[in-house]
Structures are given as structure tokens and as C-alpha cells.
Amino acid sequence: MSDAHSEQTHFGFKTVDKDQKASMVAEVFHSVAAKYDIMNDMMSMGIHRLWKRFTIDSAGARAGHKVLDLAGGTGDLTAKFSRLVGPTGQVVLADINQSMLEVGRDKLRNLGVVGNVEFVQANAEELPFADNTFDIITIAFGLRNVTDKDKALASMYRVLKPGGRLLVLEFSKPTQDWLSKVYDLYSFKVLPQMGKLIANDAESYQYLAESIRMHPDQDTLKSMMEAVGFEQTTYHNLTGGIVALHKGFKF
């Protein structure tokens, strides 16, 4: 019988030991942290800002809410939630990667986002928060990098308050064959070269493109959310399914 150390998972298209994946993903984000925002704008031609705005608009955040921006990276969602929840609310920007947290902290301070924001280094699979803590949890472009997605979703469910909602913004499966072909060409030919030119790191962006292809499709992720207890679970395709926003509630 195999032990936990011999269990396998994917790292992009490679097969690796489960206990190695977190550190390998960490190295990717240590490498890309400094250029992360620039690359997001370049890779998506700025469209990621519209995807994130749709997520914010779907979250229903209001004054006094407590929000967890999980895998919050450089703080795009945190900045917007901070204004929405106001001085009586709180936003926790949590990320497993210290380099991303540092970039996010510096960026938000430069934007004047202070007072109601807390920064926490945390693993999505084992969130260091009490049960029933948050009104809203968002995870944007982070779930696909988690080793055990089921465990992470269960952890998110645990720390949500009854009546709270989870929003998962993630790359997904295009709904049209022609778009899939164009997207594959862009992902595997253009993105790594862009990463090499701008971030001096083609390999990390090759992994990120591969990780998107290994992520569960829209209906599979919806079923995974329901399996850990989320109800009224729905998803909305954006940009032809290149990205999908999943939403589920805890009752």
C-alpha cells in the first residue's frame, strides 16, 4: 500500500509527488511576483480587469462584511472590496506565497488601501480561521494551483458564515472548438515567449498555460463545490468560457 509521500498529482503536464507540488508552485510565483501585474495586463490585453469587476459585482459585498480574498496575490480584488466594506468591515488578503503577499502589501499601501485590510500567509487546504468567519470568499486564478482542490473547497466552506457565498474565478474550457484552437496556439506559443521577454521566465508561463488545461471543466468544478456542501451553485462563462465564475452558497 503506498504512503502519502508516493501519491501523485499533476504539475502542469508533468506528474509529481503530491508533497512536492506546493513547493514547485511556490517557486513559480516567487519567480513571477515582481512582474505579475504587468504580465496579467499583457497576457489578457487588460480583459482580466473586466473579469475581476464582474466578480466584485457578483459578490454582493456591503458595509460591515468580512471578506476573504484567497490566493489574493497582488490585491486587485482586495482593493475594491476594501472600499465596499468600509471601516466597519474587513478584508483578509491571504496567499500561500510570501513573495506575492509582499508585492500585494506594497501595492495596496501605495494605493492608500489601509485600515481594514489584513495580510495572512495561508494554505487554502488548511485555512487558519475559525468556523463561520467570512461573509464572502473569493479565489481568483488560484484554485488550479492548489494540490488538493476538494480539501481546499471544504476548508472554504468551513470558514464561510451561513448565508455566505464563495466565488471562484478561474480559467476554464472554451465553449467553441475554434476558440479552443486559437487559445491553445496563444497559450503554448505566445505566452511562454511573452514571459521570456517581459519576466525573463518562459518556463513559469509554460507551467501556467499547462495548469489551465489540467483544471476541471465548468461542470466538474460545479459538482466538486456541491460535494463539499455548497448549494445554489452556478457558473457564468466569460470570454467564451476561457474564464468562468462559479458561485455557491453556504446555508
C-alpha atoms as a PDB file:
ATOM      1  CA  MET A   1       0.000   0.000   0.000  1.00  0.00           C
ATOM      2  CA  SER A   2       1.505   3.369  -0.977  1.00  0.00           C
ATOM      3  CA  ASP A   3       2.054   6.059   1.596  1.00  0.00           C
ATOM      4  CA  ALA A   4       1.146   9.738   1.242  1.00  0.00           C
ATOM      5  CA  HIS A   5       4.626  10.601   0.019  1.00  0.00           C
ATOM      6  CA  SER A   6       4.237   8.417  -3.078  1.00  0.00           C
ATOM      7  CA  GLU A   7       0.833   9.769  -4.098  1.00  0.00           C
ATOM      8  CA  GLN A   8       0.971  11.514  -7.444  1.00  0.00           C
ATOM      9  CA  THR A   9      -0.581  14.685  -8.820  1.00  0.00           C
ATOM     10  CA  HIS A  10      -0.010  16.951 -11.783  1.00  0.00           C
ATOM     11  CA  PHE A  11       2.256  19.963 -12.064  1.00  0.00           C
ATOM     12  CA  GLY A  12       1.184  21.302 -15.418  1.00  0.00           C
ATOM     13  CA  PHE A  13       1.554  18.312 -17.746  1.00  0.00           C
ATOM     14  CA  LYS A  14       4.165  16.656 -15.508  1.00  0.00           C
ATOM     15  CA  THR A  15       3.407  14.040 -12.859  1.00  0.00           C
ATOM     16  CA  VAL A  16       4.987  14.772  -9.480  1.00  0.00           C
ATOM     17  CA  ASP A  17       4.686  13.591  -5.880  1.00  0.00           C
ATOM     18  CA  LYS A  18       1.849  15.343  -4.061  1.00  0.00           C
ATOM     19  CA  ASP A  19       4.150  16.567  -1.315  1.00  0.00           C
ATOM     20  CA  GLN A  20       6.386  18.284  -3.883  1.00  0.00           C
ATOM     21  CA  LYS A  21       3.746  20.283  -5.741  1.00  0.00           C
ATOM     22  CA  ALA A  22       3.252  23.123  -3.252  1.00  0.00           C
ATOM     23  CA  SER A  23       6.946  23.998  -3.233  1.00  0.00           C
ATOM     24  CA  MET A  24       7.135  23.778  -7.036  1.00  0.00           C
ATOM     25  CA  VAL A  25       4.162  26.122  -7.416  1.00  0.00           C
ATOM     26  CA  ALA A  26       5.762  28.402  -4.829  1.00  0.00           C
ATOM     27  CA  GLU A  27       8.900  28.665  -6.965  1.00  0.00           C
ATOM     28  CA  VAL A  28       6.790  29.675  -9.974  1.00  0.00           C
ATOM     29  CA  PHE A  29       5.152  32.521  -8.077  1.00  0.00           C
ATOM     30  CA  HIS A  30       8.379  33.624  -6.382  1.00  0.00           C
ATOM     31  CA  SER A  31       9.721  33.959  -9.910  1.00  0.00           C
ATOM     32  CA  VAL A  32       6.781  35.855 -11.426  1.00  0.00           C
ATOM     33  CA  ALA A  33       5.709  38.023  -8.453  1.00  0.00           C
ATOM     34  CA  ALA A  34       7.584  41.192  -9.418  1.00  0.00           C
ATOM     35  CA  LYS A  35       6.168  41.219 -12.963  1.00  0.00           C
ATOM     36  CA  TYR A  36       2.799  39.647 -12.146  1.00  0.00           C
ATOM     37  CA  ASP A  37       0.593  42.692 -12.737  1.00  0.00           C
ATOM     38  CA  ILE A  38       2.369  43.693 -15.948  1.00  0.00           C
ATOM     39  CA  MET A  39       2.108  40.168 -17.312  1.00  0.00           C
ATOM     40  CA  ASN A  40      -1.595  39.938 -16.407  1.00  0.00           C
ATOM     41  CA  ASP A  41      -2.299  43.055 -18.432  1.00  0.00           C
ATOM     42  CA  MET A  42      -0.177  41.870 -21.350  1.00  0.00           C
ATOM     43  CA  MET A  43      -1.470  38.269 -21.374  1.00  0.00           C
ATOM     44  CA  SER A  44      -5.149  39.186 -21.209  1.00  0.00           C
ATOM     45  CA  MET A  45      -4.886  42.504 -23.063  1.00  0.00           C
ATOM     46  CA  GLY A  46      -6.400  44.076 -19.964  1.00  0.00           C
ATOM     47  CA  ILE A  47      -9.520  41.894 -20.008  1.00  0.00           C
ATOM     48  CA  HIS A  48      -8.662  40.397 -16.593  1.00  0.00           C
ATOM     49  CA  ARG A  49      -9.821  43.697 -15.096  1.00  0.00           C
ATOM     50  CA  LEU A  50     -13.309  43.144 -16.551  1.00  0.00           C
ATOM     51  CA  TRP A  51     -13.396  39.564 -15.256  1.00  0.00           C
ATOM     52  CA  LYS A  52     -12.482  40.797 -11.780  1.00  0.00           C
ATOM     53  CA  ARG A  53     -15.041  43.615 -11.945  1.00  0.00           C
ATOM     54  CA  PHE A  54     -17.743  41.057 -12.807  1.00  0.00           C
ATOM     55  CA  THR A  55     -16.643  39.010  -9.783  1.00  0.00           C
ATOM     56  CA  ILE A  56     -16.862  42.039  -7.491  1.00  0.00           C
ATOM     57  CA  ASP A  57     -20.297  42.919  -8.850  1.00  0.00           C
ATOM     58  CA  SER A  58     -21.460  39.317  -8.257  1.00  0.00           C
ATOM     59  CA  ALA A  59     -20.180  39.179  -4.681  1.00  0.00           C
ATOM     60  CA  GLY A  60     -22.806  41.399  -3.084  1.00  0.00           C
ATOM     61  CA  ALA A  61     -20.300  42.970  -0.687  1.00  0.00           C
ATOM     62  CA  ARG A  62     -21.597  45.734   1.515  1.00  0.00           C
ATOM     63  CA  ALA A  63     -20.585  47.800   4.520  1.00  0.00           C
ATOM     64  CA  GLY A  64     -19.576  45.720   7.515  1.00  0.00           C
ATOM     65  CA  HIS A  65     -18.922  42.492   5.614  1.00  0.00           C
ATOM     66  CA  LYS A  66     -15.879  40.349   6.300  1.00  0.00           C
ATOM     67  CA  VAL A  67     -14.260  39.159   3.062  1.00  0.00           C
ATOM     68  CA  LEU A  68     -11.512  36.610   2.395  1.00  0.00           C
ATOM     69  CA  ASP A  69      -9.606  37.241  -0.832  1.00  0.00           C
ATOM     70  CA  LEU A  70      -7.910  33.856  -1.074  1.00  0.00           C
ATOM     71  CA  ALA A  71      -4.860  33.456  -3.320  1.00  0.00           C
ATOM     72  CA  GLY A  72      -5.284  37.219  -3.435  1.00  0.00           C
ATOM     73  CA  GLY A  73      -1.837  37.834  -4.876  1.00  0.00           C
ATOM     74  CA  THR A  74      -1.218  41.475  -5.645  1.00  0.00           C
ATOM     75  CA  GLY A  75      -4.546  42.606  -4.235  1.00  0.00           C
ATOM     76  CA  ASP A  76      -6.718  43.669  -7.178  1.00  0.00           C
ATOM     77  CA  LEU A  77      -9.889  42.301  -5.573  1.00  0.00           C
ATOM     78  CA  THR A  78      -8.833  43.325  -2.063  1.00  0.00           C
ATOM     79  CA  ALA A  79      -8.523  46.973  -3.089  1.00  0.00           C
ATOM     80  CA  LYS A  80     -12.071  47.026  -4.421  1.00  0.00           C
ATOM     81  CA  PHE A  81     -13.555  45.068  -1.515  1.00  0.00           C
ATOM     82  CA  SER A  82     -11.824  47.380   0.969  1.00  0.00           C
ATOM     83  CA  ARG A  83     -13.816  50.334  -0.338  1.00  0.00           C
ATOM     84  CA  LEU A  84     -17.081  48.378  -0.450  1.00  0.00           C
ATOM     85  CA  VAL A  85     -16.990  47.003   3.112  1.00  0.00           C
ATOM     86  CA  GLY A  86     -15.784  50.304   4.578  1.00  0.00           C
ATOM     87  CA  PRO A  87     -14.308  50.978   8.018  1.00  0.00           C
ATOM     88  CA  THR A  88     -16.770  48.637   9.765  1.00  0.00           C
ATOM     89  CA  GLY A  89     -15.794  45.717   7.529  1.00  0.00           C
ATOM     90  CA  GLN A  90     -12.605  43.786   6.978  1.00  0.00           C
ATOM     91  CA  VAL A  91     -10.794  42.204   4.040  1.00  0.00           C
ATOM     92  CA  VAL A  92      -8.218  39.466   4.562  1.00  0.00           C
ATOM     93  CA  LEU A  93      -5.797  39.051   1.667  1.00  0.00           C
ATOM     94  CA  ALA A  94      -4.466  35.510   2.020  1.00  0.00           C
ATOM     95  CA  ASP A  95      -1.879  33.853  -0.183  1.00  0.00           C
ATOM     96  CA  ILE A  96       0.379  30.849   0.298  1.00  0.00           C
ATOM     97  CA  ASN A  97       3.246  32.672  -1.390  1.00  0.00           C
ATOM     98  CA  GLN A  98       5.224  35.201   0.648  1.00  0.00           C
ATOM     99  CA  SER A  99       6.619  36.963  -2.431  1.00  0.00           C
ATOM    100  CA  MET A 100       3.127  37.614  -3.782  1.00  0.00           C
ATOM    101  CA  LEU A 101       1.957  38.846  -0.366  1.00  0.00           C
ATOM    102  CA  GLU A 102       4.837  41.304  -0.177  1.00  0.00           C
ATOM    103  CA  VAL A 103       4.115  42.675  -3.649  1.00  0.00           C
ATOM    104  CA  GLY A 104       0.413  42.953  -2.760  1.00  0.00           C
ATOM    105  CA  ARG A 105       1.117  44.699   0.554  1.00  0.00           C
ATOM    106  CA  ASP A 106       3.408  47.266  -1.088  1.00  0.00           C
ATOM    107  CA  LYS A 107       0.963  47.874  -3.921  1.00  0.00           C
ATOM    108  CA  LEU A 108      -2.040  48.415  -1.636  1.00  0.00           C
ATOM    109  CA  ARG A 109      -0.101  50.721   0.665  1.00  0.00           C
ATOM    110  CA  ASN A 110       0.924  52.795  -2.360  1.00  0.00           C
ATOM    111  CA  LEU A 111      -2.754  52.976  -3.346  1.00  0.00           C
ATOM    112  CA  GLY A 112      -3.674  54.140   0.145  1.00  0.00           C
ATOM    113  CA  VAL A 113      -5.620  50.971   0.928  1.00  0.00           C
ATOM    114  CA  VAL A 114      -5.058  50.666   4.679  1.00  0.00           C
ATOM    115  CA  GLY A 115      -7.028  50.260   7.875  1.00  0.00           C
ATOM    116  CA  ASN A 116      -9.452  47.464   7.087  1.00  0.00           C
ATOM    117  CA  VAL A 117      -7.068  45.065   5.276  1.00  0.00           C
ATOM    118  CA  GLU A 118      -5.120  42.230   6.894  1.00  0.00           C
ATOM    119  CA  PHE A 119      -2.445  40.105   5.175  1.00  0.00           C
ATOM    120  CA  VAL A 120      -2.174  36.401   6.037  1.00  0.00           C
ATOM    121  CA  GLN A 121       0.083  33.718   4.598  1.00  0.00           C
ATOM    122  CA  ALA A 122      -2.191  30.698   4.360  1.00  0.00           C
ATOM    123  CA  ASN A 123      -2.641  27.383   2.600  1.00  0.00           C
ATOM    124  CA  ALA A 124      -6.103  27.113   1.026  1.00  0.00           C
ATOM    125  CA  GLU A 125      -6.311  23.466   2.083  1.00  0.00           C
ATOM    126  CA  GLU A 126      -5.940  24.324   5.787  1.00  0.00           C
ATOM    127  CA  LEU A 127      -7.264  27.847   6.320  1.00  0.00           C
ATOM    128  CA  PRO A 128      -6.177  29.270   9.707  1.00  0.00           C
ATOM    129  CA  PHE A 129      -9.533  30.837  10.516  1.00  0.00           C
ATOM    130  CA  ALA A 130     -12.396  29.896  12.815  1.00  0.00           C
ATOM    131  CA  ASP A 131     -15.566  28.277  11.517  1.00  0.00           C
ATOM    132  CA  ASN A 132     -18.222  30.665  10.177  1.00  0.00           C
ATOM    133  CA  THR A 133     -15.909  33.704   9.906  1.00  0.00           C
ATOM    134  CA  PHE A 134     -16.478  35.256   6.464  1.00  0.00           C
ATOM    135  CA  ASP A 135     -19.480  36.640   4.593  1.00  0.00           C
ATOM    136  CA  ILE A 136     -17.718  36.290   1.232  1.00  0.00           C
ATOM    137  CA  ILE A 137     -14.753  34.286  -0.053  1.00  0.00           C
ATOM    138  CA  THR A 138     -13.200  34.873  -3.456  1.00  0.00           C
ATOM    139  CA  ILE A 139     -10.411  32.922  -5.097  1.00  0.00           C
ATOM    140  CA  ALA A 140      -9.324  34.355  -8.441  1.00  0.00           C
ATOM    141  CA  PHE A 141      -6.951  32.375 -10.652  1.00  0.00           C
ATOM    142  CA  GLY A 142      -5.661  30.409  -7.677  1.00  0.00           C
ATOM    143  CA  LEU A 143      -7.659  27.199  -7.342  1.00  0.00           C
ATOM    144  CA  ARG A 144      -5.955  25.480 -10.266  1.00  0.00           C
ATOM    145  CA  ASN A 145      -2.617  25.722  -8.432  1.00  0.00           C
ATOM    146  CA  VAL A 146      -3.930  24.004  -5.288  1.00  0.00           C
ATOM    147  CA  THR A 147      -2.802  20.397  -4.840  1.00  0.00           C
ATOM    148  CA  ASP A 148      -5.998  19.055  -3.224  1.00  0.00           C
ATOM    149  CA  LYS A 149      -8.859  21.129  -4.587  1.00  0.00           C
ATOM    150  CA  ASP A 150     -11.561  19.153  -2.759  1.00  0.00           C
ATOM    151  CA  LYS A 151      -9.842  19.737   0.555  1.00  0.00           C
ATOM    152  CA  ALA A 152      -9.471  23.448  -0.228  1.00  0.00           C
ATOM    153  CA  LEU A 153     -13.145  23.822  -1.159  1.00  0.00           C
ATOM    154  CA  ALA A 154     -14.140  22.067   2.079  1.00  0.00           C
ATOM    155  CA  SER A 155     -11.881  24.430   4.034  1.00  0.00           C
ATOM    156  CA  MET A 156     -13.509  27.434   2.366  1.00  0.00           C
ATOM    157  CA  TYR A 157     -16.957  26.056   3.167  1.00  0.00           C
ATOM    158  CA  ARG A 158     -15.993  25.655   6.832  1.00  0.00           C
ATOM    159  CA  VAL A 159     -14.863  29.273   7.306  1.00  0.00           C
ATOM    160  CA  LEU A 160     -17.858  30.802   5.495  1.00  0.00           C
ATOM    161  CA  LYS A 161     -20.747  32.039   7.611  1.00  0.00           C
ATOM    162  CA  PRO A 162     -24.181  30.505   6.996  1.00  0.00           C
ATOM    163  CA  GLY A 163     -25.655  32.618   4.204  1.00  0.00           C
ATOM    164  CA  GLY A 164     -22.173  33.392   2.891  1.00  0.00           C
ATOM    165  CA  ARG A 165     -21.032  32.878  -0.669  1.00  0.00           C
ATOM    166  CA  LEU A 166     -17.934  31.582  -2.451  1.00  0.00           C
ATOM    167  CA  LEU A 167     -16.875  32.958  -5.828  1.00  0.00           C
ATOM    168  CA  VAL A 168     -14.260  31.053  -7.847  1.00  0.00           C
ATOM    169  CA  LEU A 169     -12.887  32.975 -10.830  1.00  0.00           C
ATOM    170  CA  GLU A 170     -10.704  30.673 -12.870  1.00  0.00           C
ATOM    171  CA  PHE A 171      -9.591  29.793 -16.363  1.00  0.00           C
ATOM    172  CA  SER A 172     -11.867  27.124 -17.780  1.00  0.00           C
ATOM    173  CA  LYS A 173     -12.803  25.356 -21.012  1.00  0.00           C
ATOM    174  CA  PRO A 174     -13.755  27.395 -24.120  1.00  0.00           C
ATOM    175  CA  THR A 175     -17.229  26.587 -25.368  1.00  0.00           C
ATOM    176  CA  GLN A 176     -16.338  26.659 -29.097  1.00  0.00           C
ATOM    177  CA  ASP A 177     -13.853  24.419 -30.927  1.00  0.00           C
ATOM    178  CA  TRP A 178     -12.422  27.258 -32.986  1.00  0.00           C
ATOM    179  CA  LEU A 179     -11.797  29.293 -29.843  1.00  0.00           C
ATOM    180  CA  SER A 180     -10.064  26.326 -28.192  1.00  0.00           C
ATOM    181  CA  LYS A 181      -7.668  26.067 -31.139  1.00  0.00           C
ATOM    182  CA  VAL A 182      -6.856  29.776 -31.121  1.00  0.00           C
ATOM    183  CA  TYR A 183      -6.475  29.718 -27.343  1.00  0.00           C
ATOM    184  CA  ASP A 184      -4.106  26.719 -27.461  1.00  0.00           C
ATOM    185  CA  LEU A 185      -1.947  28.435 -30.061  1.00  0.00           C
ATOM    186  CA  TYR A 186      -1.812  31.602 -27.970  1.00  0.00           C
ATOM    187  CA  SER A 187      -1.176  29.760 -24.694  1.00  0.00           C
ATOM    188  CA  PHE A 188       1.631  27.479 -25.825  1.00  0.00           C
ATOM    189  CA  LYS A 189       3.346  29.598 -28.472  1.00  0.00           C
ATOM    190  CA  VAL A 190       2.817  33.216 -27.447  1.00  0.00           C
ATOM    191  CA  LEU A 191       2.611  33.190 -23.630  1.00  0.00           C
ATOM    192  CA  PRO A 192       5.952  31.495 -22.898  1.00  0.00           C
ATOM    193  CA  GLN A 193       7.707  33.873 -25.277  1.00  0.00           C
ATOM    194  CA  MET A 194       5.963  36.825 -23.658  1.00  0.00           C
ATOM    195  CA  GLY A 195       7.102  35.510 -20.273  1.00  0.00           C
ATOM    196  CA  LYS A 196      10.651  35.227 -21.553  1.00  0.00           C
ATOM    197  CA  LEU A 197      10.701  38.786 -22.927  1.00  0.00           C
ATOM    198  CA  ILE A 198       8.931  40.572 -20.061  1.00  0.00           C
ATOM    199  CA  ALA A 199       9.643  38.458 -16.985  1.00  0.00           C
ATOM    200  CA  ASN A 200      12.739  36.601 -18.225  1.00  0.00           C
ATOM    201  CA  ASP A 201      10.924  33.386 -17.366  1.00  0.00           C
ATOM    202  CA  ALA A 202       9.428  31.281 -20.151  1.00  0.00           C
ATOM    203  CA  GLU A 203       9.268  28.111 -18.038  1.00  0.00           C
ATOM    204  CA  SER A 204       6.908  29.513 -15.384  1.00  0.00           C
ATOM    205  CA  TYR A 205       4.471  30.725 -18.026  1.00  0.00           C
ATOM    206  CA  GLN A 206       4.635  27.362 -19.775  1.00  0.00           C
ATOM    207  CA  TYR A 207       3.564  25.804 -16.456  1.00  0.00           C
ATOM    208  CA  LEU A 208       0.744  28.331 -16.025  1.00  0.00           C
ATOM    209  CA  ALA A 209      -0.589  27.518 -19.509  1.00  0.00           C
ATOM    210  CA  GLU A 210      -0.406  23.788 -18.765  1.00  0.00           C
ATOM    211  CA  SER A 211      -2.078  24.191 -15.365  1.00  0.00           C
ATOM    212  CA  ILE A 212      -5.106  25.780 -17.056  1.00  0.00           C
ATOM    213  CA  ARG A 213      -5.555  22.682 -19.249  1.00  0.00           C
ATOM    214  CA  MET A 214      -5.393  20.388 -16.206  1.00  0.00           C
ATOM    215  CA  HIS A 215      -8.037  22.321 -14.256  1.00  0.00           C
ATOM    216  CA  PRO A 216     -11.538  20.781 -14.015  1.00  0.00           C
ATOM    217  CA  ASP A 217     -14.072  21.990 -16.558  1.00  0.00           C
ATOM    218  CA  GLN A 218     -17.103  24.076 -15.616  1.00  0.00           C
ATOM    219  CA  ASP A 219     -19.498  21.254 -14.748  1.00  0.00           C
ATOM    220  CA  THR A 220     -16.866  19.231 -12.892  1.00  0.00           C
ATOM    221  CA  LEU A 221     -15.936  22.174 -10.670  1.00  0.00           C
ATOM    222  CA  LYS A 222     -19.621  22.852 -10.009  1.00  0.00           C
ATOM    223  CA  SER A 223     -20.027  19.230  -8.871  1.00  0.00           C
ATOM    224  CA  MET A 224     -16.934  19.479  -6.666  1.00  0.00           C
ATOM    225  CA  MET A 225     -18.380  22.525  -4.917  1.00  0.00           C
ATOM    226  CA  GLU A 226     -21.689  20.769  -4.348  1.00  0.00           C
ATOM    227  CA  ALA A 227     -19.925  17.675  -2.987  1.00  0.00           C
ATOM    228  CA  VAL A 228     -18.483  19.667  -0.049  1.00  0.00           C
ATOM    229  CA  GLY A 229     -21.823  21.297   0.762  1.00  0.00           C
ATOM    230  CA  PHE A 230     -22.290  24.371  -1.410  1.00  0.00           C
ATOM    231  CA  GLU A 231     -25.841  24.998  -2.601  1.00  0.00           C
ATOM    232  CA  GLN A 232     -27.469  27.026  -5.387  1.00  0.00           C
ATOM    233  CA  THR A 233     -24.184  26.543  -7.257  1.00  0.00           C
ATOM    234  CA  THR A 234     -23.975  28.202 -10.656  1.00  0.00           C
ATOM    235  CA  TYR A 235     -21.340  29.300 -13.130  1.00  0.00           C
ATOM    236  CA  HIS A 236     -21.127  32.055 -15.708  1.00  0.00           C
ATOM    237  CA  ASN A 237     -18.846  31.738 -18.723  1.00  0.00           C
ATOM    238  CA  LEU A 238     -16.783  34.797 -19.600  1.00  0.00           C
ATOM    239  CA  THR A 239     -14.985  35.416 -22.918  1.00  0.00           C
ATOM    240  CA  GLY A 240     -16.398  32.255 -24.463  1.00  0.00           C
ATOM    241  CA  GLY A 241     -15.562  30.039 -21.499  1.00  0.00           C
ATOM    242  CA  ILE A 242     -11.864  30.933 -21.412  1.00  0.00           C
ATOM    243  CA  VAL A 243     -12.746  32.033 -17.895  1.00  0.00           C
ATOM    244  CA  ALA A 244     -15.703  31.013 -15.716  1.00  0.00           C
ATOM    245  CA  LEU A 245     -17.051  32.456 -12.493  1.00  0.00           C
ATOM    246  CA  HIS A 246     -18.510  29.805 -10.178  1.00  0.00           C
ATOM    247  CA  LYS A 247     -20.691  30.836  -7.267  1.00  0.00           C
ATOM    248  CA  GLY A 248     -22.048  28.789  -4.395  1.00  0.00           C
ATOM    249  CA  PHE A 249     -23.745  29.483  -1.063  1.00  0.00           C
ATOM    250  CA  LYS A 250     -23.481  28.005   2.425  1.00  0.00           C
ATOM    251  CA  PHE A 251     -26.835  27.628   4.195  1.00  0.00           C
END
